[in-house]
Amino acid sequence: MPRADISKTDFAHQLRLHSLAWLPNINRFLDLRYPKAGRHILPVMAKDGRTMLRGASIQSCLAARAAYEAELALAARAEQAKADLAARLAPAAIAPVRADLEGPAAVNQLADDFILQTTHGEGVVFGQLIRLGWTGPQLKQHTDAARIVAQRRQEKQMAEVVA
């Protein structure tokens, strides 16, 4: 054993400390923090090729872990960049269905949406109207008129059903 190398006891302690496993059957290390990655790390051998340098092998495993974590961080940043790009492009690429409606067309469509929302039993929910493509200023401008139109339509339908 070279003088600069660590003892077997220190080696076992370092393995536990850093969540590493030595697999003597296949002469490889396994990083227990990322076992699903299936990465086996080769030990650092002495010049004679038969003796493992324990301290250098531990450092090699830690360096391999750092490289793997850097790959994971890079992949996470790439995914976040894709999500950010999609969030920026989606509103521009998909025009809201009802955002361009004005005047009587907006009132009629909003009345239809009110009737549809009330049939779900939840009542009219502002968030659902926004998801349908309405804008806040449109809702503020046309809500009262659309509510009256929706009530008249429902009264008319009820009168036809009764008659």
Protein backbone atom coordinates (compact mmCIF):
# COMPACT_ATOMS: atom_id res chain seq x y z
CA MET A 1 0.00 0.00 0.00
CA PRO A 2 1.48 3.37 -0.98
CA ARG A 3 2.16 5.72 1.90
CA ALA A 4 -0.19 8.47 0.65
CA ASP A 5 -3.16 6.10 0.40
CA ILE A 6 -5.88 5.79 3.07
CA SER A 7 -6.47 2.73 5.25
CA LYS A 8 -9.22 0.17 4.69
CA THR A 9 -11.13 1.55 7.67
CA ASP A 10 -10.90 5.12 6.39
CA PHE A 11 -11.86 3.87 2.94
CA ALA A 12 -15.03 2.20 4.30
CA HIS A 13 -15.86 5.35 6.26
CA GLN A 14 -15.38 7.56 3.19
CA LEU A 15 -17.61 5.24 1.14
CA ARG A 16 -20.44 5.62 3.67
CA LEU A 17 -19.83 9.34 4.11
CA HIS A 18 -20.12 10.04 0.37
CA SER A 19 -22.89 7.49 -0.38
CA LEU A 20 -20.70 5.30 -2.53
CA ALA A 21 -20.63 1.53 -2.77
CA TRP A 22 -17.64 -0.62 -3.68
CA LEU A 23 -18.67 -3.66 -5.71
CA PRO A 24 -15.69 -6.03 -5.46
CA ASN A 25 -17.29 -8.68 -7.71
CA ILE A 26 -17.14 -6.41 -10.72
CA ASN A 27 -14.33 -4.16 -9.42
CA ARG A 28 -16.38 -0.98 -9.73
CA PHE A 29 -17.95 1.78 -7.62
CA LEU A 30 -21.63 2.72 -7.61
CA ASP A 31 -22.91 6.17 -6.67
CA LEU A 32 -25.81 5.53 -4.30
CA ARG A 33 -27.18 9.07 -4.65
CA TYR A 34 -28.02 8.30 -8.26
CA PRO A 35 -28.44 4.51 -8.42
CA LYS A 36 -30.94 4.61 -11.29
CA ALA A 37 -28.38 6.24 -13.53
CA GLY A 38 -26.58 2.88 -13.59
CA ARG A 39 -23.19 4.52 -13.76
CA HIS A 40 -20.33 2.32 -12.58
CA ILE A 41 -17.05 4.06 -11.89
CA LEU A 42 -13.74 2.30 -12.33
CA PRO A 43 -11.22 2.46 -9.49
CA VAL A 44 -7.88 4.23 -9.82
CA MET A 45 -5.18 1.56 -9.89
CA ALA A 46 -1.54 1.77 -8.88
CA LYS A 47 1.22 1.47 -11.46
CA ASP A 48 1.42 -2.27 -10.89
CA GLY A 49 -2.21 -2.60 -12.08
CA ARG A 50 -3.29 -4.85 -9.18
CA THR A 51 -3.55 -2.46 -6.24
CA MET A 52 -6.36 0.06 -5.95
CA LEU A 53 -5.49 3.56 -4.79
CA ARG A 54 -8.36 4.09 -2.34
CA GLY A 55 -8.04 7.84 -1.80
CA ALA A 56 -7.68 8.58 -5.50
CA SER A 57 -10.60 6.26 -6.27
CA ILE A 58 -12.84 8.14 -3.82
CA GLN A 59 -11.81 11.45 -5.42
CA SER A 60 -12.48 9.97 -8.87
CA CYS A 61 -15.99 8.96 -7.77
CA LEU A 62 -16.68 12.41 -6.38
CA ALA A 63 -15.46 14.01 -9.61
CA ALA A 64 -17.71 11.68 -11.63
CA ARG A 65 -20.65 12.64 -9.39
CA ALA A 66 -19.94 16.34 -9.89
CA ALA A 67 -19.83 15.84 -13.65
CA TYR A 68 -23.13 13.93 -13.57
CA GLU A 69 -24.77 16.63 -11.43
CA ALA A 70 -23.51 19.25 -13.91
CA GLU A 71 -25.16 17.25 -16.73
CA LEU A 72 -28.41 17.12 -14.75
CA ALA A 73 -28.28 20.87 -14.10
CA LEU A 74 -27.61 21.55 -17.77
CA ALA A 75 -30.57 19.37 -18.78
CA ALA A 76 -32.80 21.14 -16.22
CA ARG A 77 -31.75 24.54 -17.56
CA ALA A 78 -32.47 23.41 -21.12
CA GLU A 79 -35.94 22.20 -20.10
CA GLN A 80 -36.61 25.48 -18.30
CA ALA A 81 -35.51 27.42 -21.37
CA LYS A 82 -37.93 25.39 -23.51
CA ALA A 83 -40.76 26.03 -21.04
CA ASP A 84 -39.96 29.76 -20.95
CA LEU A 85 -39.93 29.93 -24.75
CA ALA A 86 -43.24 28.08 -24.96
CA ALA A 87 -44.77 30.42 -22.39
CA ARG A 88 -43.63 33.43 -24.39
CA LEU A 89 -44.75 32.07 -27.78
CA ALA A 90 -48.07 30.47 -26.81
CA PRO A 91 -50.00 33.70 -26.17
CA ALA A 92 -48.70 35.20 -29.42
CA ALA A 93 -49.21 32.05 -31.47
CA ILE A 94 -52.70 31.22 -30.24
CA ALA A 95 -54.96 34.22 -30.33
CA PRO A 96 -57.70 34.07 -27.72
CA VAL A 97 -60.97 33.09 -29.34
CA ARG A 98 -63.09 35.83 -27.86
CA ALA A 99 -60.57 38.63 -27.39
CA ASP A 100 -61.34 40.24 -30.74
CA LEU A 101 -65.13 40.38 -30.24
CA GLU A 102 -66.72 43.80 -29.80
CA GLY A 103 -70.16 45.26 -29.32
CA PRO A 104 -73.28 43.09 -29.81
CA ALA A 105 -71.22 40.08 -30.94
CA ALA A 106 -69.30 40.16 -27.66
CA VAL A 107 -72.51 40.52 -25.63
CA ASN A 108 -74.16 37.59 -27.44
CA GLN A 109 -71.13 35.33 -27.07
CA LEU A 110 -70.68 36.25 -23.42
CA ALA A 111 -74.39 35.53 -22.80
CA ASP A 112 -73.91 32.09 -24.40
CA ASP A 113 -70.90 31.50 -22.19
CA PHE A 114 -72.91 32.53 -19.11
CA ILE A 115 -75.63 30.03 -20.01
CA LEU A 116 -73.08 27.33 -20.65
CA GLN A 117 -71.30 28.01 -17.36
CA THR A 118 -74.54 27.89 -15.36
CA THR A 119 -75.41 24.48 -16.84
CA HIS A 120 -72.29 23.05 -15.21
CA GLY A 121 -73.77 23.82 -11.81
CA GLU A 122 -70.78 25.86 -10.67
CA GLY A 123 -72.16 29.18 -11.76
CA VAL A 124 -70.18 31.70 -13.75
CA VAL A 125 -66.52 31.77 -12.72
CA PHE A 126 -64.31 34.66 -13.84
CA GLY A 127 -61.26 32.39 -14.26
CA GLN A 128 -63.09 30.07 -16.63
CA LEU A 129 -64.19 33.00 -18.77
CA ILE A 130 -60.58 34.17 -18.97
CA ARG A 131 -59.56 30.64 -20.06
CA LEU A 132 -62.18 30.84 -22.81
CA GLY A 133 -60.35 33.86 -24.22
CA TRP A 134 -62.13 36.83 -22.68
CA THR A 135 -60.09 39.76 -21.45
CA GLY A 136 -60.67 41.61 -18.21
CA PRO A 137 -61.74 44.89 -19.86
CA GLN A 138 -64.21 43.02 -22.10
CA LEU A 139 -65.78 41.34 -19.10
CA LYS A 140 -66.08 44.64 -17.24
CA GLN A 141 -67.64 46.31 -20.26
CA HIS A 142 -70.12 43.62 -21.35
CA THR A 143 -71.01 41.64 -18.20
CA ASP A 144 -74.18 43.54 -17.28
CA ALA A 145 -75.63 43.48 -20.80
CA ALA A 146 -74.68 39.83 -21.31
CA ARG A 147 -76.32 38.84 -18.01
CA ILE A 148 -79.60 40.49 -19.12
CA VAL A 149 -79.44 38.80 -22.54
CA ALA A 150 -78.71 35.42 -20.94
CA GLN A 151 -81.63 35.80 -18.51
CA ARG A 152 -84.01 36.70 -21.34
CA ARG A 153 -82.85 33.72 -23.41
CA GLN A 154 -83.35 31.36 -20.49
CA GLU A 155 -86.79 32.83 -19.76
CA LYS A 156 -87.71 32.44 -23.42
CA GLN A 157 -86.54 28.78 -23.39
CA MET A 158 -88.50 28.11 -20.19
CA ALA A 159 -91.63 29.68 -21.74
CA GLU A 160 -91.25 27.44 -24.82
CA VAL A 161 -90.83 24.34 -22.65
CA VAL A 162 -93.91 25.17 -20.56
CA ALA A 163 -96.06 25.98 -23.62
